[in-house]
Amino acid sequence: KSGAIYFSVTVLSTVGFGDIVPRSDFARLVVSA
């Protein structure tokens, strides 16, 4: 849950550190959305 909060904040803020990345096509689509 903490990791998902962290990832959500990095996506929202457009920082994208790269330590957590979507690996599947489905996850990439959800994150892109």
PDB file of all heavy atoms in Angstrom:
ATOM      1  N   LYS A   1       0.829  -1.207   0.000  1.00  0.00           N
ATOM      2  CA  LYS A   1       0.000   0.000   0.000  1.00  0.00           C
ATOM      3  C   LYS A   1       0.867   1.262   0.000  1.00  0.00           C
ATOM      4  O   LYS A   1       0.577   2.220  -0.706  1.00  0.00           O
ATOM      5  CB  LYS A   1      -0.965  -0.010   1.175  1.00  0.00           C
ATOM      6  CG  LYS A   1      -2.094  -0.997   0.981  1.00  0.00           C
ATOM      7  CD  LYS A   1      -3.108  -0.892   2.095  1.00  0.00           C
ATOM      8  CE  LYS A   1      -4.260  -1.848   1.812  1.00  0.00           C
ATOM      9  NZ  LYS A   1      -5.320  -1.721   2.799  1.00  0.00           N
ATOM     10  N   SER A   2       1.934   1.241   0.779  1.00  0.00           N
ATOM     11  CA  SER A   2       2.842   2.393   0.801  1.00  0.00           C
ATOM     12  C   SER A   2       3.530   2.563  -0.545  1.00  0.00           C
ATOM     13  O   SER A   2       3.683   3.682  -1.043  1.00  0.00           O
ATOM     14  CB  SER A   2       3.887   2.232   1.903  1.00  0.00           C
ATOM     15  OG  SER A   2       3.266   2.202   3.158  1.00  0.00           O
ATOM     16  N   GLY A   3       3.963   1.464  -1.130  1.00  0.00           N
ATOM     17  CA  GLY A   3       4.603   1.515  -2.441  1.00  0.00           C
ATOM     18  C   GLY A   3       3.666   2.041  -3.520  1.00  0.00           C
ATOM     19  O   GLY A   3       4.081   2.787  -4.412  1.00  0.00           O
ATOM     20  N   ALA A   4       2.385   1.673  -3.425  1.00  0.00           N
ATOM     21  CA  ALA A   4       1.409   2.156  -4.407  1.00  0.00           C
ATOM     22  C   ALA A   4       1.155   3.655  -4.246  1.00  0.00           C
ATOM     23  O   ALA A   4       1.006   4.374  -5.241  1.00  0.00           O
ATOM     24  CB  ALA A   4       0.110   1.372  -4.282  1.00  0.00           C
ATOM     25  N   ILE A   5       1.140   4.129  -2.999  1.00  0.00           N
ATOM     26  CA  ILE A   5       1.010   5.583  -2.763  1.00  0.00           C
ATOM     27  C   ILE A   5       2.206   6.305  -3.381  1.00  0.00           C
ATOM     28  O   ILE A   5       2.050   7.295  -4.097  1.00  0.00           O
ATOM     29  CB  ILE A   5       0.905   5.904  -1.250  1.00  0.00           C
ATOM     30  CG1 ILE A   5      -0.437   5.457  -0.687  1.00  0.00           C
ATOM     31  CG2 ILE A   5       1.161   7.378  -0.968  1.00  0.00           C
ATOM     32  CD1 ILE A   5      -1.614   6.346  -1.005  1.00  0.00           C
ATOM     33  N   TYR A   6       3.384   5.810  -3.089  1.00  0.00           N
ATOM     34  CA  TYR A   6       4.615   6.406  -3.626  1.00  0.00           C
ATOM     35  C   TYR A   6       4.571   6.433  -5.151  1.00  0.00           C
ATOM     36  O   TYR A   6       4.851   7.462  -5.775  1.00  0.00           O
ATOM     37  CB  TYR A   6       5.809   5.600  -3.114  1.00  0.00           C
ATOM     38  CG  TYR A   6       7.103   5.890  -3.814  1.00  0.00           C
ATOM     39  CD1 TYR A   6       7.840   7.028  -3.515  1.00  0.00           C
ATOM     40  CD2 TYR A   6       7.609   5.015  -4.776  1.00  0.00           C
ATOM     41  CE1 TYR A   6       9.030   7.292  -4.158  1.00  0.00           C
ATOM     42  CE2 TYR A   6       8.789   5.270  -5.423  1.00  0.00           C
ATOM     43  CZ  TYR A   6       9.501   6.408  -5.114  1.00  0.00           C
ATOM     44  OH  TYR A   6      10.677   6.672  -5.764  1.00  0.00           O
ATOM     45  N   PHE A   7       4.199   5.308  -5.767  1.00  0.00           N
ATOM     46  CA  PHE A   7       4.157   5.238  -7.223  1.00  0.00           C
ATOM     47  C   PHE A   7       3.103   6.196  -7.771  1.00  0.00           C
ATOM     48  O   PHE A   7       3.344   6.898  -8.764  1.00  0.00           O
ATOM     49  CB  PHE A   7       3.885   3.799  -7.680  1.00  0.00           C
ATOM     50  CG  PHE A   7       3.868   3.641  -9.169  1.00  0.00           C
ATOM     51  CD1 PHE A   7       5.008   3.859  -9.922  1.00  0.00           C
ATOM     52  CD2 PHE A   7       2.704   3.284  -9.830  1.00  0.00           C
ATOM     53  CE1 PHE A   7       4.997   3.716 -11.298  1.00  0.00           C
ATOM     54  CE2 PHE A   7       2.676   3.134 -11.198  1.00  0.00           C
ATOM     55  CZ  PHE A   7       3.832   3.351 -11.935  1.00  0.00           C
ATOM     56  N   SER A   8       1.960   6.264  -7.131  1.00  0.00           N
ATOM     57  CA  SER A   8       0.897   7.165  -7.570  1.00  0.00           C
ATOM     58  C   SER A   8       1.343   8.628  -7.523  1.00  0.00           C
ATOM     59  O   SER A   8       1.066   9.399  -8.439  1.00  0.00           O
ATOM     60  CB  SER A   8      -0.339   6.956  -6.696  1.00  0.00           C
ATOM     61  OG  SER A   8      -1.367   7.812  -7.083  1.00  0.00           O
ATOM     62  N   VAL A   9       2.047   8.992  -6.471  1.00  0.00           N
ATOM     63  CA  VAL A   9       2.540  10.370  -6.348  1.00  0.00           C
ATOM     64  C   VAL A   9       3.578  10.668  -7.420  1.00  0.00           C
ATOM     65  O   VAL A   9       3.571  11.745  -8.028  1.00  0.00           O
ATOM     66  CB  VAL A   9       3.108  10.636  -4.938  1.00  0.00           C
ATOM     67  CG1 VAL A   9       3.849  11.961  -4.874  1.00  0.00           C
ATOM     68  CG2 VAL A   9       1.992  10.597  -3.905  1.00  0.00           C
ATOM     69  N   THR A  10       4.463   9.715  -7.705  1.00  0.00           N
ATOM     70  CA  THR A  10       5.472   9.971  -8.747  1.00  0.00           C
ATOM     71  C   THR A  10       4.829  10.089 -10.123  1.00  0.00           C
ATOM     72  O   THR A  10       5.273  10.889 -10.945  1.00  0.00           O
ATOM     73  CB  THR A  10       6.577   8.886  -8.780  1.00  0.00           C
ATOM     74  OG1 THR A  10       5.994   7.622  -9.066  1.00  0.00           O
ATOM     75  CG2 THR A  10       7.355   8.853  -7.492  1.00  0.00           C
ATOM     76  N   VAL A  11       3.764   9.333 -10.373  1.00  0.00           N
ATOM     77  CA  VAL A  11       3.061   9.454 -11.650  1.00  0.00           C
ATOM     78  C   VAL A  11       2.304  10.776 -11.706  1.00  0.00           C
ATOM     79  O   VAL A  11       2.371  11.494 -12.704  1.00  0.00           O
ATOM     80  CB  VAL A  11       2.106   8.253 -11.876  1.00  0.00           C
ATOM     81  CG1 VAL A  11       1.225   8.478 -13.095  1.00  0.00           C
ATOM     82  CG2 VAL A  11       2.897   6.961 -12.039  1.00  0.00           C
ATOM     83  N   LEU A  12       1.596  11.117 -10.635  1.00  0.00           N
ATOM     84  CA  LEU A  12       0.839  12.366 -10.596  1.00  0.00           C
ATOM     85  C   LEU A  12       1.743  13.578 -10.768  1.00  0.00           C
ATOM     86  O   LEU A  12       1.427  14.514 -11.493  1.00  0.00           O
ATOM     87  CB  LEU A  12       0.070  12.471  -9.278  1.00  0.00           C
ATOM     88  CG  LEU A  12      -0.723  13.761  -9.058  1.00  0.00           C
ATOM     89  CD1 LEU A  12      -1.879  13.860 -10.032  1.00  0.00           C
ATOM     90  CD2 LEU A  12      -1.237  13.828  -7.638  1.00  0.00           C
ATOM     91  N   SER A  13       2.886  13.545 -10.129  1.00  0.00           N
ATOM     92  CA  SER A  13       3.797  14.686 -10.190  1.00  0.00           C
ATOM     93  C   SER A  13       4.691  14.658 -11.427  1.00  0.00           C
ATOM     94  O   SER A  13       5.478  15.580 -11.619  1.00  0.00           O
ATOM     95  CB  SER A  13       4.670  14.731  -8.935  1.00  0.00           C
ATOM     96  OG  SER A  13       5.519  13.602  -8.895  1.00  0.00           O
ATOM     97  N   THR A  14       4.593  13.640 -12.217  1.00  0.00           N
ATOM     98  CA  THR A  14       5.390  13.418 -13.440  1.00  0.00           C
ATOM     99  C   THR A  14       6.889  13.306 -13.167  1.00  0.00           C
ATOM    100  O   THR A  14       7.700  13.550 -14.052  1.00  0.00           O
ATOM    101  CB  THR A  14       5.131  14.495 -14.519  1.00  0.00           C
ATOM    102  OG1 THR A  14       5.660  15.751 -14.101  1.00  0.00           O
ATOM    103  CG2 THR A  14       3.666  14.604 -14.875  1.00  0.00           C
ATOM    104  N   VAL A  15       7.247  12.933 -11.958  1.00  0.00           N
ATOM    105  CA  VAL A  15       8.665  12.781 -11.618  1.00  0.00           C
ATOM    106  C   VAL A  15       9.215  11.500 -12.237  1.00  0.00           C
ATOM    107  O   VAL A  15      10.232  11.515 -12.910  1.00  0.00           O
ATOM    108  CB  VAL A  15       8.879  12.787 -10.089  1.00  0.00           C
ATOM    109  CG1 VAL A  15      10.309  12.429  -9.732  1.00  0.00           C
ATOM    110  CG2 VAL A  15       8.512  14.135  -9.523  1.00  0.00           C
ATOM    111  N   GLY A  16       8.547  10.382 -11.988  1.00  0.00           N
ATOM    112  CA  GLY A  16       8.946   9.111 -12.572  1.00  0.00           C
ATOM    113  C   GLY A  16      10.390   8.732 -12.296  1.00  0.00           C
ATOM    114  O   GLY A  16      11.216   8.715 -13.188  1.00  0.00           O
ATOM    115  N   PHE A  17      10.723   8.390 -11.065  1.00  0.00           N
ATOM    116  CA  PHE A  17      12.088   8.046 -10.704  1.00  0.00           C
ATOM    117  C   PHE A  17      12.596   6.805 -11.435  1.00  0.00           C
ATOM    118  O   PHE A  17      13.781   6.634 -11.620  1.00  0.00           O
ATOM    119  CB  PHE A  17      12.209   7.830  -9.190  1.00  0.00           C
ATOM    120  CG  PHE A  17      12.036   9.083  -8.397  1.00  0.00           C
ATOM    121  CD1 PHE A  17      10.999   9.212  -7.490  1.00  0.00           C
ATOM    122  CD2 PHE A  17      12.917  10.146  -8.539  1.00  0.00           C
ATOM    123  CE1 PHE A  17      10.834  10.360  -6.747  1.00  0.00           C
ATOM    124  CE2 PHE A  17      12.766  11.308  -7.802  1.00  0.00           C
ATOM    125  CZ  PHE A  17      11.719  11.415  -6.906  1.00  0.00           C
ATOM    126  N   GLY A  18      11.711   5.904 -11.780  1.00  0.00           N
ATOM    127  CA  GLY A  18      12.117   4.693 -12.482  1.00  0.00           C
ATOM    128  C   GLY A  18      12.385   3.507 -11.587  1.00  0.00           C
ATOM    129  O   GLY A  18      12.733   2.437 -12.067  1.00  0.00           O
ATOM    130  N   ASP A  19      12.243   3.668 -10.273  1.00  0.00           N
ATOM    131  CA  ASP A  19      12.471   2.546  -9.371  1.00  0.00           C
ATOM    132  C   ASP A  19      11.298   1.570  -9.392  1.00  0.00           C
ATOM    133  O   ASP A  19      11.479   0.373  -9.217  1.00  0.00           O
ATOM    134  CB  ASP A  19      12.772   3.019  -7.948  1.00  0.00           C
ATOM    135  CG  ASP A  19      11.742   3.989  -7.413  1.00  0.00           C
ATOM    136  OD1 ASP A  19      10.956   4.540  -8.203  1.00  0.00           O
ATOM    137  OD2 ASP A  19      11.726   4.208  -6.191  1.00  0.00           O
ATOM    138  N   ILE A  20      10.102   2.069  -9.632  1.00  0.00           N
ATOM    139  CA  ILE A  20       8.928   1.215  -9.837  1.00  0.00           C
ATOM    140  C   ILE A  20       8.396   1.564 -11.217  1.00  0.00           C
ATOM    141  O   ILE A  20       8.121   2.735 -11.507  1.00  0.00           O
ATOM    142  CB  ILE A  20       7.838   1.473  -8.775  1.00  0.00           C
ATOM    143  CG1 ILE A  20       8.363   1.206  -7.369  1.00  0.00           C
ATOM    144  CG2 ILE A  20       6.606   0.613  -9.054  1.00  0.00           C
ATOM    145  CD1 ILE A  20       7.405   1.605  -6.260  1.00  0.00           C
ATOM    146  N   VAL A  21       8.263   0.552 -12.048  1.00  0.00           N
ATOM    147  CA  VAL A  21       7.779   0.787 -13.409  1.00  0.00           C
ATOM    148  C   VAL A  21       6.738  -0.276 -13.766  1.00  0.00           C
ATOM    149  O   VAL A  21       6.802  -1.404 -13.282  1.00  0.00           O
ATOM    150  CB  VAL A  21       8.919   0.773 -14.442  1.00  0.00           C
ATOM    151  CG1 VAL A  21       9.883   1.915 -14.211  1.00  0.00           C
ATOM    152  CG2 VAL A  21       9.665  -0.546 -14.421  1.00  0.00           C
ATOM    153  N   PRO A  22       5.792   0.087 -14.621  1.00  0.00           N
ATOM    154  CA  PRO A  22       4.844  -0.919 -15.091  1.00  0.00           C
ATOM    155  C   PRO A  22       5.567  -1.872 -16.048  1.00  0.00           C
ATOM    156  O   PRO A  22       6.341  -1.440 -16.901  1.00  0.00           O
ATOM    157  CB  PRO A  22       3.771  -0.098 -15.808  1.00  0.00           C
ATOM    158  CG  PRO A  22       4.432   1.184 -16.167  1.00  0.00           C
ATOM    159  CD  PRO A  22       5.509   1.411 -15.163  1.00  0.00           C
ATOM    160  N   ARG A  23       5.342  -3.179 -15.893  1.00  0.00           N
ATOM    161  CA  ARG A  23       6.020  -4.178 -16.717  1.00  0.00           C
ATOM    162  C   ARG A  23       5.110  -4.812 -17.766  1.00  0.00           C
ATOM    163  O   ARG A  23       5.559  -5.156 -18.832  1.00  0.00           O
ATOM    164  CB  ARG A  23       6.618  -5.286 -15.842  1.00  0.00           C
ATOM    165  CG  ARG A  23       7.752  -4.827 -14.975  1.00  0.00           C
ATOM    166  CD  ARG A  23       9.028  -4.788 -15.756  1.00  0.00           C
ATOM    167  NE  ARG A  23      10.132  -4.520 -14.853  1.00  0.00           N
ATOM    168  CZ  ARG A  23      11.164  -3.789 -15.182  1.00  0.00           C
ATOM    169  NH1 ARG A  23      11.267  -3.261 -16.367  1.00  0.00           N
ATOM    170  NH2 ARG A  23      12.133  -3.580 -14.313  1.00  0.00           N
ATOM    171  N   SER A  24       3.845  -4.981 -17.425  1.00  0.00           N
ATOM    172  CA  SER A  24       2.934  -5.614 -18.379  1.00  0.00           C
ATOM    173  C   SER A  24       2.285  -4.535 -19.246  1.00  0.00           C
ATOM    174  O   SER A  24       2.228  -3.355 -18.875  1.00  0.00           O
ATOM    175  CB  SER A  24       1.866  -6.413 -17.639  1.00  0.00           C
ATOM    176  OG  SER A  24       0.991  -5.542 -16.949  1.00  0.00           O
ATOM    177  N   ASP A  25       1.791  -4.957 -20.400  1.00  0.00           N
ATOM    178  CA  ASP A  25       1.094  -4.012 -21.269  1.00  0.00           C
ATOM    179  C   ASP A  25      -0.128  -3.427 -20.570  1.00  0.00           C
ATOM    180  O   ASP A  25      -0.408  -2.237 -20.686  1.00  0.00           O
ATOM    181  CB  ASP A  25       0.676  -4.695 -22.571  1.00  0.00           C
ATOM    182  CG  ASP A  25       1.856  -4.945 -23.504  1.00  0.00           C
ATOM    183  OD1 ASP A  25       2.905  -4.280 -23.326  1.00  0.00           O
ATOM    184  OD2 ASP A  25       1.728  -5.791 -24.400  1.00  0.00           O
ATOM    185  N   PHE A  26      -0.840  -4.271 -19.827  1.00  0.00           N
ATOM    186  CA  PHE A  26      -2.016  -3.807 -19.098  1.00  0.00           C
ATOM    187  C   PHE A  26      -1.631  -2.720 -18.099  1.00  0.00           C
ATOM    188  O   PHE A  26      -2.280  -1.657 -18.032  1.00  0.00           O
ATOM    189  CB  PHE A  26      -2.707  -4.979 -18.388  1.00  0.00           C
ATOM    190  CG  PHE A  26      -3.883  -4.569 -17.568  1.00  0.00           C
ATOM    191  CD1 PHE A  26      -5.041  -4.084 -18.167  1.00  0.00           C
ATOM    192  CD2 PHE A  26      -3.847  -4.649 -16.178  1.00  0.00           C
ATOM    193  CE1 PHE A  26      -6.139  -3.694 -17.405  1.00  0.00           C
ATOM    194  CE2 PHE A  26      -4.933  -4.264 -15.416  1.00  0.00           C
ATOM    195  CZ  PHE A  26      -6.079  -3.782 -16.024  1.00  0.00           C
ATOM    196  N   ALA A  27      -0.598  -2.950 -17.326  1.00  0.00           N
ATOM    197  CA  ALA A  27      -0.159  -1.959 -16.337  1.00  0.00           C
ATOM    198  C   ALA A  27       0.308  -0.685 -17.026  1.00  0.00           C
ATOM    199  O   ALA A  27       0.027   0.423 -16.545  1.00  0.00           O
ATOM    200  CB  ALA A  27       0.953  -2.530 -15.459  1.00  0.00           C
ATOM    201  N   ARG A  28       1.004  -0.802 -18.139  1.00  0.00           N
ATOM    202  CA  ARG A  28       1.451   0.391 -18.872  1.00  0.00           C
ATOM    203  C   ARG A  28       0.254   1.195 -19.374  1.00  0.00           C
ATOM    204  O   ARG A  28       0.284   2.430 -19.353  1.00  0.00           O
ATOM    205  CB  ARG A  28       2.345  -0.026 -20.034  1.00  0.00           C
ATOM    206  CG  ARG A  28       3.702  -0.497 -19.592  1.00  0.00           C
ATOM    207  CD  ARG A  28       4.578  -0.883 -20.772  1.00  0.00           C
ATOM    208  NE  ARG A  28       5.860  -1.366 -20.295  1.00  0.00           N
ATOM    209  CZ  ARG A  28       6.402  -2.511 -20.653  1.00  0.00           C
ATOM    210  NH1 ARG A  28       5.791  -3.301 -21.534  1.00  0.00           N
ATOM    211  NH2 ARG A  28       7.568  -2.870 -20.160  1.00  0.00           N
ATOM    212  N   LEU A  29      -0.779   0.491 -19.822  1.00  0.00           N
ATOM    213  CA  LEU A  29      -1.983   1.192 -20.276  1.00  0.00           C
ATOM    214  C   LEU A  29      -2.679   1.911 -19.119  1.00  0.00           C
ATOM    215  O   LEU A  29      -3.118   3.053 -19.270  1.00  0.00           O
ATOM    216  CB  LEU A  29      -2.950   0.217 -20.950  1.00  0.00           C
ATOM    217  CG  LEU A  29      -2.527  -0.291 -22.321  1.00  0.00           C
ATOM    218  CD1 LEU A  29      -3.466  -1.385 -22.799  1.00  0.00           C
ATOM    219  CD2 LEU A  29      -2.469   0.854 -23.320  1.00  0.00           C
ATOM    220  N   VAL A  30      -2.771   1.247 -17.978  1.00  0.00           N
ATOM    221  CA  VAL A  30      -3.422   1.864 -16.814  1.00  0.00           C
ATOM    222  C   VAL A  30      -2.623   3.081 -16.349  1.00  0.00           C
ATOM    223  O   VAL A  30      -3.193   4.143 -16.066  1.00  0.00           O
ATOM    224  CB  VAL A  30      -3.608   0.836 -15.673  1.00  0.00           C
ATOM    225  CG1 VAL A  30      -4.091   1.512 -14.393  1.00  0.00           C
ATOM    226  CG2 VAL A  30      -4.579  -0.254 -16.088  1.00  0.00           C
ATOM    227  N   VAL A  31      -1.314   2.954 -16.278  1.00  0.00           N
ATOM    228  CA  VAL A  31      -0.474   4.088 -15.848  1.00  0.00           C
ATOM    229  C   VAL A  31      -0.545   5.219 -16.872  1.00  0.00           C
ATOM    230  O   VAL A  31      -0.648   6.393 -16.500  1.00  0.00           O
ATOM    231  CB  VAL A  31       0.978   3.625 -15.604  1.00  0.00           C
ATOM    232  CG1 VAL A  31       1.888   4.816 -15.361  1.00  0.00           C
ATOM    233  CG2 VAL A  31       1.042   2.664 -14.430  1.00  0.00           C
ATOM    234  N   SER A  32      -0.522   4.884 -18.150  1.00  0.00           N
ATOM    235  CA  SER A  32      -0.655   5.916 -19.191  1.00  0.00           C
ATOM    236  C   SER A  32      -1.992   6.617 -19.088  1.00  0.00           C
ATOM    237  O   SER A  32      -2.075   7.849 -19.230  1.00  0.00           O
ATOM    238  CB  SER A  32      -0.514   5.292 -20.585  1.00  0.00           C
ATOM    239  OG  SER A  32       0.775   4.772 -20.765  1.00  0.00           O
ATOM    240  N   ALA A  33      -3.031   5.834 -18.834  1.00  0.00           N
ATOM    241  CA  ALA A  33      -4.358   6.433 -18.658  1.00  0.00           C
ATOM    242  C   ALA A  33      -4.365   7.370 -17.455  1.00  0.00           C
ATOM    243  O   ALA A  33      -4.958   8.455 -17.513  1.00  0.00           O
ATOM    244  CB  ALA A  33      -5.410   5.341 -18.501  1.00  0.00           C
TER     245      ALA A  33
END
